[in-house]
Amino acid sequence: MAAGHKTGGRQAGTPNKRKDRLLRRLERDFPDYHPVAELAKIANDPKNDVATRLQANKEVAKYVEPQLKAVEHRGDLAASLLPAFIMHPPEKKTEQDAKTTH
């Protein structure tokens, strides 16, 4: 890179020639083919075993949902998992309460 700008090679967004040829061939030989759609068919076909369907769903998910990043926890994990209880003193019954509960 000279002086902060690109001086050679492909322009940004120019498709790779091999990939371009492959895409044109797939379009020619299989006009309605889309790999993600085919994986979705496999994932939803009850004739396929559970492991195959699960793997196909995982692959499809990569294209339709953002992958969540792992987040490092900072702090005392044991303390953050302890339940917090708030104790209230028992309410005192009034004479009126005592008469209505019998």
PDB file of N, CA and C in Angstrom:
ATOM      1  N   MET A   1       0.844  -1.173   0.000  1.00  0.00           N
ATOM      2  CA  MET A   1       0.000   0.000   0.000  1.00  0.00           C
ATOM      3  C   MET A   1       0.888   1.235   0.000  1.00  0.00           C
ATOM      4  N   ALA A   2       0.698   2.075  -0.942  1.00  0.00           N
ATOM      5  CA  ALA A   2       1.507   3.291  -1.032  1.00  0.00           C
ATOM      6  C   ALA A   2       0.655   4.499  -0.656  1.00  0.00           C
ATOM      7  N   ALA A   3       1.159   5.274   0.235  1.00  0.00           N
ATOM      8  CA  ALA A   3       0.513   6.528   0.633  1.00  0.00           C
ATOM      9  C   ALA A   3      -0.939   6.331   1.066  1.00  0.00           C
ATOM     10  N   GLY A   4      -1.253   5.154   1.672  1.00  0.00           N
ATOM     11  CA  GLY A   4      -2.587   4.939   2.222  1.00  0.00           C
ATOM     12  C   GLY A   4      -3.664   4.556   1.232  1.00  0.00           C
ATOM     13  N   HIS A   5      -3.321   4.210  -0.002  1.00  0.00           N
ATOM     14  CA  HIS A   5      -4.345   3.770  -0.942  1.00  0.00           C
ATOM     15  C   HIS A   5      -3.830   2.577  -1.738  1.00  0.00           C
ATOM     16  N   LYS A   6      -4.762   1.795  -2.271  1.00  0.00           N
ATOM     17  CA  LYS A   6      -4.448   0.577  -2.994  1.00  0.00           C
ATOM     18  C   LYS A   6      -3.836   0.931  -4.350  1.00  0.00           C
ATOM     19  N   THR A   7      -2.757   0.198  -4.712  1.00  0.00           N
ATOM     20  CA  THR A   7      -2.079   0.520  -5.970  1.00  0.00           C
ATOM     21  C   THR A   7      -2.147  -0.597  -6.998  1.00  0.00           C
ATOM     22  N   GLY A   8      -2.638  -1.780  -6.627  1.00  0.00           N
ATOM     23  CA  GLY A   8      -2.683  -2.873  -7.596  1.00  0.00           C
ATOM     24  C   GLY A   8      -3.675  -3.945  -7.177  1.00  0.00           C
ATOM     25  N   GLY A   9      -3.792  -4.979  -7.984  1.00  0.00           N
ATOM     26  CA  GLY A   9      -4.701  -6.082  -7.677  1.00  0.00           C
ATOM     27  C   GLY A   9      -6.120  -5.782  -8.122  1.00  0.00           C
ATOM     28  N   ARG A  10      -7.022  -6.673  -7.709  1.00  0.00           N
ATOM     29  CA  ARG A  10      -8.436  -6.499  -8.065  1.00  0.00           C
ATOM     30  C   ARG A  10      -9.042  -5.314  -7.324  1.00  0.00           C
ATOM     31  N   GLN A  11     -10.007  -4.728  -7.957  1.00  0.00           N
ATOM     32  CA  GLN A  11     -10.785  -3.684  -7.294  1.00  0.00           C
ATOM     33  C   GLN A  11     -11.678  -4.351  -6.254  1.00  0.00           C
ATOM     34  N   ALA A  12     -12.009  -3.646  -5.192  1.00  0.00           N
ATOM     35  CA  ALA A  12     -12.892  -4.178  -4.162  1.00  0.00           C
ATOM     36  C   ALA A  12     -14.231  -4.561  -4.777  1.00  0.00           C
ATOM     37  N   GLY A  13     -14.717  -5.755  -4.426  1.00  0.00           N
ATOM     38  CA  GLY A  13     -16.005  -6.215  -4.933  1.00  0.00           C
ATOM     39  C   GLY A  13     -15.916  -7.010  -6.221  1.00  0.00           C
ATOM     40  N   THR A  14     -14.741  -7.093  -6.849  1.00  0.00           N
ATOM     41  CA  THR A  14     -14.575  -7.873  -8.077  1.00  0.00           C
ATOM     42  C   THR A  14     -14.587  -9.344  -7.708  1.00  0.00           C
ATOM     43  N   PRO A  15     -15.487 -10.150  -8.313  1.00  0.00           N
ATOM     44  CA  PRO A  15     -15.568 -11.563  -7.941  1.00  0.00           C
ATOM     45  C   PRO A  15     -14.332 -12.349  -8.384  1.00  0.00           C
ATOM     46  N   ASN A  16     -14.005 -13.364  -7.634  1.00  0.00           N
ATOM     47  CA  ASN A  16     -12.939 -14.290  -7.956  1.00  0.00           C
ATOM     48  C   ASN A  16     -13.348 -15.053  -9.215  1.00  0.00           C
ATOM     49  N   LYS A  17     -12.444 -15.235 -10.164  1.00  0.00           N
ATOM     50  CA  LYS A  17     -12.788 -15.865 -11.440  1.00  0.00           C
ATOM     51  C   LYS A  17     -13.256 -17.305 -11.264  1.00  0.00           C
ATOM     52  N   ARG A  18     -12.589 -18.065 -10.391  1.00  0.00           N
ATOM     53  CA  ARG A  18     -13.004 -19.453 -10.153  1.00  0.00           C
ATOM     54  C   ARG A  18     -14.420 -19.513  -9.581  1.00  0.00           C
ATOM     55  N   LYS A  19     -14.658 -18.692  -8.593  1.00  0.00           N
ATOM     56  CA  LYS A  19     -15.984 -18.668  -7.964  1.00  0.00           C
ATOM     57  C   LYS A  19     -17.041 -18.225  -8.965  1.00  0.00           C
ATOM     58  N   ASP A  20     -16.708 -17.243  -9.786  1.00  0.00           N
ATOM     59  CA  ASP A  20     -17.643 -16.757 -10.800  1.00  0.00           C
ATOM     60  C   ASP A  20     -17.997 -17.876 -11.784  1.00  0.00           C
ATOM     61  N   ARG A  21     -16.992 -18.645 -12.233  1.00  0.00           N
ATOM     62  CA  ARG A  21     -17.252 -19.766 -13.154  1.00  0.00           C
ATOM     63  C   ARG A  21     -18.123 -20.820 -12.493  1.00  0.00           C
ATOM     64  N   LEU A  22     -17.832 -21.130 -11.234  1.00  0.00           N
ATOM     65  CA  LEU A  22     -18.625 -22.127 -10.515  1.00  0.00           C
ATOM     66  C   LEU A  22     -20.072 -21.674 -10.370  1.00  0.00           C
ATOM     67  N   LEU A  23     -20.276 -20.436  -9.995  1.00  0.00           N
ATOM     68  CA  LEU A  23     -21.640 -19.918  -9.842  1.00  0.00           C
ATOM     69  C   LEU A  23     -22.409 -19.947 -11.159  1.00  0.00           C
ATOM     70  N   ARG A  24     -21.740 -19.585 -12.258  1.00  0.00           N
ATOM     71  CA  ARG A  24     -22.410 -19.631 -13.570  1.00  0.00           C
ATOM     72  C   ARG A  24     -22.763 -21.067 -13.954  1.00  0.00           C
ATOM     73  N   ARG A  25     -21.862 -22.008 -13.666  1.00  0.00           N
ATOM     74  CA  ARG A  25     -22.132 -23.419 -13.995  1.00  0.00           C
ATOM     75  C   ARG A  25     -23.284 -23.968 -13.154  1.00  0.00           C
ATOM     76  N   LEU A  26     -23.299 -23.658 -11.866  1.00  0.00           N
ATOM     77  CA  LEU A  26     -24.411 -24.101 -11.020  1.00  0.00           C
ATOM     78  C   LEU A  26     -25.736 -23.529 -11.517  1.00  0.00           C
ATOM     79  N   GLU A  27     -25.735 -22.274 -11.870  1.00  0.00           N
ATOM     80  CA  GLU A  27     -26.954 -21.636 -12.377  1.00  0.00           C
ATOM     81  C   GLU A  27     -27.411 -22.299 -13.671  1.00  0.00           C
ATOM     82  N   ARG A  28     -26.464 -22.648 -14.534  1.00  0.00           N
ATOM     83  CA  ARG A  28     -26.805 -23.277 -15.807  1.00  0.00           C
ATOM     84  C   ARG A  28     -27.345 -24.700 -15.599  1.00  0.00           C
ATOM     85  N   ASP A  29     -26.645 -25.495 -14.775  1.00  0.00           N
ATOM     86  CA  ASP A  29     -27.021 -26.905 -14.597  1.00  0.00           C
ATOM     87  C   ASP A  29     -28.164 -27.114 -13.607  1.00  0.00           C
ATOM     88  N   PHE A  30     -28.281 -26.237 -12.626  1.00  0.00           N
ATOM     89  CA  PHE A  30     -29.314 -26.367 -11.593  1.00  0.00           C
ATOM     90  C   PHE A  30     -29.940 -24.993 -11.358  1.00  0.00           C
ATOM     91  N   PRO A  31     -30.831 -24.561 -12.230  1.00  0.00           N
ATOM     92  CA  PRO A  31     -31.343 -23.183 -12.171  1.00  0.00           C
ATOM     93  C   PRO A  31     -32.007 -22.796 -10.841  1.00  0.00           C
ATOM     94  N   ASP A  32     -32.651 -23.729 -10.172  1.00  0.00           N
ATOM     95  CA  ASP A  32     -33.346 -23.394  -8.925  1.00  0.00           C
ATOM     96  C   ASP A  32     -32.576 -23.822  -7.682  1.00  0.00           C
ATOM     97  N   TYR A  33     -31.305 -24.177  -7.837  1.00  0.00           N
ATOM     98  CA  TYR A  33     -30.512 -24.675  -6.717  1.00  0.00           C
ATOM     99  C   TYR A  33     -29.999 -23.533  -5.842  1.00  0.00           C
ATOM    100  N   HIS A  34     -30.128 -23.733  -4.536  1.00  0.00           N
ATOM    101  CA  HIS A  34     -29.502 -22.837  -3.572  1.00  0.00           C
ATOM    102  C   HIS A  34     -29.073 -23.717  -2.399  1.00  0.00           C
ATOM    103  N   PRO A  35     -27.788 -23.717  -2.036  1.00  0.00           N
ATOM    104  CA  PRO A  35     -27.303 -24.643  -1.017  1.00  0.00           C
ATOM    105  C   PRO A  35     -27.976 -24.488   0.344  1.00  0.00           C
ATOM    106  N   VAL A  36     -28.284 -23.290   0.753  1.00  0.00           N
ATOM    107  CA  VAL A  36     -28.932 -23.103   2.053  1.00  0.00           C
ATOM    108  C   VAL A  36     -30.353 -23.654   2.024  1.00  0.00           C
ATOM    109  N   ALA A  37     -31.059 -23.456   0.917  1.00  0.00           N
ATOM    110  CA  ALA A  37     -32.412 -24.001   0.784  1.00  0.00           C
ATOM    111  C   ALA A  37     -32.374 -25.527   0.801  1.00  0.00           C
ATOM    112  N   GLU A  38     -31.367 -26.113   0.165  1.00  0.00           N
ATOM    113  CA  GLU A  38     -31.250 -27.580   0.159  1.00  0.00           C
ATOM    114  C   GLU A  38     -30.953 -28.104   1.563  1.00  0.00           C
ATOM    115  N   LEU A  39     -30.110 -27.404   2.306  1.00  0.00           N
ATOM    116  CA  LEU A  39     -29.844 -27.806   3.688  1.00  0.00           C
ATOM    117  C   LEU A  39     -31.107 -27.704   4.536  1.00  0.00           C
ATOM    118  N   ALA A  40     -31.904 -26.689   4.283  1.00  0.00           N
ATOM    119  CA  ALA A  40     -33.156 -26.530   5.026  1.00  0.00           C
ATOM    120  C   ALA A  40     -34.108 -27.688   4.735  1.00  0.00           C
ATOM    121  N   LYS A  41     -34.109 -28.155   3.497  1.00  0.00           N
ATOM    122  CA  LYS A  41     -34.947 -29.326   3.149  1.00  0.00           C
ATOM    123  C   LYS A  41     -34.482 -30.559   3.914  1.00  0.00           C
ATOM    124  N   ILE A  42     -33.177 -30.766   3.984  1.00  0.00           N
ATOM    125  CA  ILE A  42     -32.622 -31.910   4.722  1.00  0.00           C
ATOM    126  C   ILE A  42     -32.978 -31.792   6.197  1.00  0.00           C
ATOM    127  N   ALA A  43     -32.856 -30.590   6.743  1.00  0.00           N
ATOM    128  CA  ALA A  43     -33.125 -30.358   8.163  1.00  0.00           C
ATOM    129  C   ALA A  43     -34.580 -30.619   8.522  1.00  0.00           C
ATOM    130  N   ASN A  44     -35.472 -30.432   7.572  1.00  0.00           N
ATOM    131  CA  ASN A  44     -36.904 -30.583   7.855  1.00  0.00           C
ATOM    132  C   ASN A  44     -37.511 -31.870   7.338  1.00  0.00           C
ATOM    133  N   ASP A  45     -36.690 -32.778   6.824  1.00  0.00           N
ATOM    134  CA  ASP A  45     -37.192 -34.046   6.290  1.00  0.00           C
ATOM    135  C   ASP A  45     -37.217 -35.089   7.409  1.00  0.00           C
ATOM    136  N   PRO A  46     -38.412 -35.514   7.854  1.00  0.00           N
ATOM    137  CA  PRO A  46     -38.499 -36.466   8.965  1.00  0.00           C
ATOM    138  C   PRO A  46     -37.892 -37.835   8.633  1.00  0.00           C
ATOM    139  N   LYS A  47     -37.642 -38.116   7.345  1.00  0.00           N
ATOM    140  CA  LYS A  47     -37.016 -39.390   6.976  1.00  0.00           C
ATOM    141  C   LYS A  47     -35.535 -39.418   7.349  1.00  0.00           C
ATOM    142  N   ASN A  48     -34.924 -38.259   7.523  1.00  0.00           N
ATOM    143  CA  ASN A  48     -33.514 -38.203   7.902  1.00  0.00           C
ATOM    144  C   ASN A  48     -33.372 -38.435   9.399  1.00  0.00           C
ATOM    145  N   ASP A  49     -32.226 -39.038   9.807  1.00  0.00           N
ATOM    146  CA  ASP A  49     -32.010 -39.280  11.227  1.00  0.00           C
ATOM    147  C   ASP A  49     -31.767 -37.952  11.951  1.00  0.00           C
ATOM    148  N   VAL A  50     -31.919 -37.986  13.246  1.00  0.00           N
ATOM    149  CA  VAL A  50     -31.834 -36.768  14.069  1.00  0.00           C
ATOM    150  C   VAL A  50     -30.470 -36.093  13.929  1.00  0.00           C
ATOM    151  N   ALA A  51     -29.390 -36.874  13.905  1.00  0.00           N
ATOM    152  CA  ALA A  51     -28.049 -36.286  13.811  1.00  0.00           C
ATOM    153  C   ALA A  51     -27.873 -35.509  12.504  1.00  0.00           C
ATOM    154  N   THR A  52     -28.371 -36.080  11.408  1.00  0.00           N
ATOM    155  CA  THR A  52     -28.279 -35.400  10.107  1.00  0.00           C
ATOM    156  C   THR A  52     -29.095 -34.119  10.110  1.00  0.00           C
ATOM    157  N   ARG A  53     -30.301 -34.194  10.650  1.00  0.00           N
ATOM    158  CA  ARG A  53     -31.172 -33.016  10.698  1.00  0.00           C
ATOM    159  C   ARG A  53     -30.566 -31.923  11.578  1.00  0.00           C
ATOM    160  N   LEU A  54     -29.979 -32.330  12.711  1.00  0.00           N
ATOM    161  CA  LEU A  54     -29.351 -31.366  13.603  1.00  0.00           C
ATOM    162  C   LEU A  54     -28.186 -30.661  12.906  1.00  0.00           C
ATOM    163  N   GLN A  55     -27.338 -31.427  12.226  1.00  0.00           N
ATOM    164  CA  GLN A  55     -26.191 -30.832  11.534  1.00  0.00           C
ATOM    165  C   GLN A  55     -26.649 -29.865  10.440  1.00  0.00           C
ATOM    166  N   ALA A  56     -27.680 -30.249   9.693  1.00  0.00           N
ATOM    167  CA  ALA A  56     -28.200 -29.372   8.640  1.00  0.00           C
ATOM    168  C   ALA A  56     -28.758 -28.084   9.243  1.00  0.00           C
ATOM    169  N   ASN A  57     -29.456 -28.191  10.360  1.00  0.00           N
ATOM    170  CA  ASN A  57     -29.978 -26.993  11.031  1.00  0.00           C
ATOM    171  C   ASN A  57     -28.847 -26.082  11.492  1.00  0.00           C
ATOM    172  N   LYS A  58     -27.770 -26.663  12.014  1.00  0.00           N
ATOM    173  CA  LYS A  58     -26.617 -25.865  12.436  1.00  0.00           C
ATOM    174  C   LYS A  58     -26.024 -25.093  11.266  1.00  0.00           C
ATOM    175  N   GLU A  59     -25.927 -25.757  10.126  1.00  0.00           N
ATOM    176  CA  GLU A  59     -25.351 -25.104   8.947  1.00  0.00           C
ATOM    177  C   GLU A  59     -26.249 -23.982   8.440  1.00  0.00           C
ATOM    178  N   VAL A  60     -27.543 -24.208   8.409  1.00  0.00           N
ATOM    179  CA  VAL A  60     -28.484 -23.174   7.953  1.00  0.00           C
ATOM    180  C   VAL A  60     -28.437 -21.980   8.912  1.00  0.00           C
ATOM    181  N   ALA A  61     -28.342 -22.264  10.203  1.00  0.00           N
ATOM    182  CA  ALA A  61     -28.336 -21.185  11.203  1.00  0.00           C
ATOM    183  C   ALA A  61     -27.183 -20.210  10.975  1.00  0.00           C
ATOM    184  N   LYS A  62     -26.068 -20.681  10.452  1.00  0.00           N
ATOM    185  CA  LYS A  62     -24.923 -19.805  10.193  1.00  0.00           C
ATOM    186  C   LYS A  62     -25.275 -18.693   9.207  1.00  0.00           C
ATOM    187  N   TYR A  63     -26.253 -18.950   8.352  1.00  0.00           N
ATOM    188  CA  TYR A  63     -26.608 -17.979   7.317  1.00  0.00           C
ATOM    189  C   TYR A  63     -27.810 -17.117   7.669  1.00  0.00           C
ATOM    190  N   VAL A  64     -28.540 -17.495   8.720  1.00  0.00           N
ATOM    191  CA  VAL A  64     -29.744 -16.726   9.035  1.00  0.00           C
ATOM    192  C   VAL A  64     -29.716 -16.066  10.412  1.00  0.00           C
ATOM    193  N   GLU A  65     -28.773 -16.468  11.276  1.00  0.00           N
ATOM    194  CA  GLU A  65     -28.678 -15.884  12.608  1.00  0.00           C
ATOM    195  C   GLU A  65     -27.243 -15.452  12.867  1.00  0.00           C
ATOM    196  N   PRO A  66     -27.049 -14.325  13.529  1.00  0.00           N
ATOM    197  CA  PRO A  66     -25.679 -13.935  13.867  1.00  0.00           C
ATOM    198  C   PRO A  66     -25.112 -14.887  14.914  1.00  0.00           C
ATOM    199  N   GLN A  67     -23.837 -15.196  14.796  1.00  0.00           N
ATOM    200  CA  GLN A  67     -23.208 -16.068  15.772  1.00  0.00           C
ATOM    201  C   GLN A  67     -22.840 -15.258  16.999  1.00  0.00           C
ATOM    202  N   LEU A  68     -23.236 -15.740  18.161  1.00  0.00           N
ATOM    203  CA  LEU A  68     -22.967 -15.030  19.401  1.00  0.00           C
ATOM    204  C   LEU A  68     -21.513 -15.234  19.806  1.00  0.00           C
ATOM    205  N   LYS A  69     -20.913 -14.184  20.278  1.00  0.00           N
ATOM    206  CA  LYS A  69     -19.530 -14.268  20.739  1.00  0.00           C
ATOM    207  C   LYS A  69     -19.505 -14.713  22.194  1.00  0.00           C
ATOM    208  N   ALA A  70     -18.440 -15.404  22.558  1.00  0.00           N
ATOM    209  CA  ALA A  70     -18.250 -15.763  23.954  1.00  0.00           C
ATOM    210  C   ALA A  70     -17.909 -14.497  24.719  1.00  0.00           C
ATOM    211  N   VAL A  71     -18.436 -14.373  25.910  1.00  0.00           N
ATOM    212  CA  VAL A  71     -18.177 -13.205  26.742  1.00  0.00           C
ATOM    213  C   VAL A  71     -17.493 -13.682  28.011  1.00  0.00           C
ATOM    214  N   GLU A  72     -16.360 -13.075  28.331  1.00  0.00           N
ATOM    215  CA  GLU A  72     -15.635 -13.446  29.534  1.00  0.00           C
ATOM    216  C   GLU A  72     -16.314 -12.814  30.739  1.00  0.00           C
ATOM    217  N   HIS A  73     -16.568 -13.647  31.748  1.00  0.00           N
ATOM    218  CA  HIS A  73     -17.181 -13.147  32.976  1.00  0.00           C
ATOM    219  C   HIS A  73     -16.092 -12.585  33.867  1.00  0.00           C
ATOM    220  N   ARG A  74     -16.326 -11.419  34.405  1.00  0.00           N
ATOM    221  CA  ARG A  74     -15.369 -10.814  35.332  1.00  0.00           C
ATOM    222  C   ARG A  74     -16.069 -10.660  36.679  1.00  0.00           C
ATOM    223  N   GLY A  75     -15.415 -11.115  37.698  1.00  0.00           N
ATOM    224  CA  GLY A  75     -15.992 -11.003  39.025  1.00  0.00           C
ATOM    225  C   GLY A  75     -16.068 -12.377  39.680  1.00  0.00           C
ATOM    226  N   ASP A  76     -16.718 -12.432  40.831  1.00  0.00           N
ATOM    227  CA  ASP A  76     -16.823 -13.666  41.593  1.00  0.00           C
ATOM    228  C   ASP A  76     -18.038 -14.444  41.112  1.00  0.00           C
ATOM    229  N   LEU A  77     -17.790 -15.500  40.364  1.00  0.00           N
ATOM    230  CA  LEU A  77     -18.879 -16.287  39.793  1.00  0.00           C
ATOM    231  C   LEU A  77     -19.706 -16.960  40.880  1.00  0.00           C
ATOM    232  N   ALA A  78     -19.049 -17.503  41.915  1.00  0.00           N
ATOM    233  CA  ALA A  78     -19.773 -18.196  42.981  1.00  0.00           C
ATOM    234  C   ALA A  78     -20.733 -17.246  43.687  1.00  0.00           C
ATOM    235  N   ALA A  79     -20.299 -16.035  43.945  1.00  0.00           N
ATOM    236  CA  ALA A  79     -21.151 -15.066  44.643  1.00  0.00           C
ATOM    237  C   ALA A  79     -22.323 -14.643  43.770  1.00  0.00           C
ATOM    238  N   SER A  80     -22.123 -14.593  42.458  1.00  0.00           N
ATOM    239  CA  SER A  80     -23.204 -14.136  41.585  1.00  0.00           C
ATOM    240  C   SER A  80     -24.282 -15.198  41.405  1.00  0.00           C
ATOM    241  N   LEU A  81     -23.983 -16.455  41.761  1.00  0.00           N
ATOM    242  CA  LEU A  81     -24.959 -17.528  41.602  1.00  0.00           C
ATOM    243  C   LEU A  81     -25.780 -17.785  42.858  1.00  0.00           C
ATOM    244  N   LEU A  82     -25.402 -17.153  43.971  1.00  0.00           N
ATOM    245  CA  LEU A  82     -26.136 -17.366  45.208  1.00  0.00           C
ATOM    246  C   LEU A  82     -27.477 -16.639  45.157  1.00  0.00           C
ATOM    247  N   PRO A  83     -28.543 -17.330  45.585  1.00  0.00           N
ATOM    248  CA  PRO A  83     -29.842 -16.647  45.592  1.00  0.00           C
ATOM    249  C   PRO A  83     -29.896 -15.596  46.700  1.00  0.00           C
ATOM    250  N   ALA A  84     -30.610 -14.560  46.449  1.00  0.00           N
ATOM    251  CA  ALA A  84     -30.779 -13.492  47.444  1.00  0.00           C
ATOM    252  C   ALA A  84     -32.182 -13.596  48.028  1.00  0.00           C
ATOM    253  N   PHE A  85     -32.266 -13.657  49.346  1.00  0.00           N
ATOM    254  CA  PHE A  85     -33.553 -13.733  50.018  1.00  0.00           C
ATOM    255  C   PHE A  85     -33.735 -12.480  50.852  1.00  0.00           C
ATOM    256  N   ILE A  86     -34.925 -11.953  50.831  1.00  0.00           N
ATOM    257  CA  ILE A  86     -35.250 -10.796  51.662  1.00  0.00           C
ATOM    258  C   ILE A  86     -36.281 -11.269  52.668  1.00  0.00           C
ATOM    259  N   MET A  87     -35.924 -11.207  53.918  1.00  0.00           N
ATOM    260  CA  MET A  87     -36.814 -11.678  54.971  1.00  0.00           C
ATOM    261  C   MET A  87     -37.634 -10.508  55.511  1.00  0.00           C
ATOM    262  N   HIS A  88     -38.920 -10.716  55.612  1.00  0.00           N
ATOM    263  CA  HIS A  88     -39.815  -9.722  56.198  1.00  0.00           C
ATOM    264  C   HIS A  88     -40.342 -10.297  57.507  1.00  0.00           C
ATOM    265  N   PRO A  89     -40.451  -9.474  58.528  1.00  0.00           N
ATOM    266  CA  PRO A  89     -41.012  -9.993  59.785  1.00  0.00           C
ATOM    267  C   PRO A  89     -42.480 -10.342  59.577  1.00  0.00           C
ATOM    268  N   PRO A  90     -42.962 -11.358  60.295  1.00  0.00           N
ATOM    269  CA  PRO A  90     -44.379 -11.722  60.132  1.00  0.00           C
ATOM    270  C   PRO A  90     -45.283 -10.565  60.562  1.00  0.00           C
ATOM    271  N   GLU A  91     -46.399 -10.452  59.858  1.00  0.00           N
ATOM    272  CA  GLU A  91     -47.339  -9.377  60.183  1.00  0.00           C
ATOM    273  C   GLU A  91     -48.093  -9.734  61.447  1.00  0.00           C
ATOM    274  N   LYS A  92     -48.350  -8.733  62.281  1.00  0.00           N
ATOM    275  CA  LYS A  92     -49.113  -8.952  63.507  1.00  0.00           C
ATOM    276  C   LYS A  92     -50.592  -8.922  63.162  1.00  0.00           C
ATOM    277  N   LYS A  93     -51.325  -9.871  63.710  1.00  0.00           N
ATOM    278  CA  LYS A  93     -52.759  -9.910  63.470  1.00  0.00           C
ATOM    279  C   LYS A  93     -53.470  -8.935  64.394  1.00  0.00           C
ATOM    280  N   THR A  94     -54.460  -8.290  63.843  1.00  0.00           N
ATOM    281  CA  THR A  94     -55.273  -7.377  64.656  1.00  0.00           C
ATOM    282  C   THR A  94     -56.473  -8.148  65.175  1.00  0.00           C
ATOM    283  N   GLU A  95     -57.214  -7.550  66.076  1.00  0.00           N
ATOM    284  CA  GLU A  95     -58.416  -8.203  66.605  1.00  0.00           C
ATOM    285  C   GLU A  95     -59.403  -8.485  65.487  1.00  0.00           C
ATOM    286  N   GLN A  96     -59.515  -7.595  64.519  1.00  0.00           N
ATOM    287  CA  GLN A  96     -60.430  -7.771  63.401  1.00  0.00           C
ATOM    288  C   GLN A  96     -60.038  -9.010  62.586  1.00  0.00           C
ATOM    289  N   ASP A  97     -58.712  -9.190  62.340  1.00  0.00           N
ATOM    290  CA  ASP A  97     -58.225 -10.365  61.613  1.00  0.00           C
ATOM    291  C   ASP A  97     -58.551 -11.640  62.371  1.00  0.00           C
ATOM    292  N   ALA A  98     -58.377 -11.632  63.664  1.00  0.00           N
ATOM    293  CA  ALA A  98     -58.619 -12.813  64.486  1.00  0.00           C
ATOM    294  C   ALA A  98     -60.086 -13.217  64.414  1.00  0.00           C
ATOM    295  N   LYS A  99     -61.025 -12.251  64.366  1.00  0.00           N
ATOM    296  CA  LYS A  99     -62.445 -12.562  64.330  1.00  0.00           C
ATOM    297  C   LYS A  99     -62.854 -13.147  62.968  1.00  0.00           C
ATOM    298  N   THR A 100     -62.215 -12.684  61.882  1.00  0.00           N
ATOM    299  CA  THR A 100     -62.635 -13.126  60.537  1.00  0.00           C
ATOM    300  C   THR A 100     -61.996 -14.449  60.124  1.00  0.00           C
ATOM    301  N   THR A 101     -60.932 -14.890  60.783  1.00  0.00           N
ATOM    302  CA  THR A 101     -60.279 -16.135  60.381  1.00  0.00           C
ATOM    303  C   THR A 101     -60.860 -17.353  61.078  1.00  0.00           C
ATOM    304  N   HIS A 102     -61.730 -17.203  62.048  1.00  0.00           N
ATOM    305  CA  HIS A 102     -62.318 -18.361  62.735  1.00  0.00           C
ATOM    306  C   HIS A 102     -63.451 -18.921  62.001  1.00  0.00           C
TER     307      HIS A 102
END
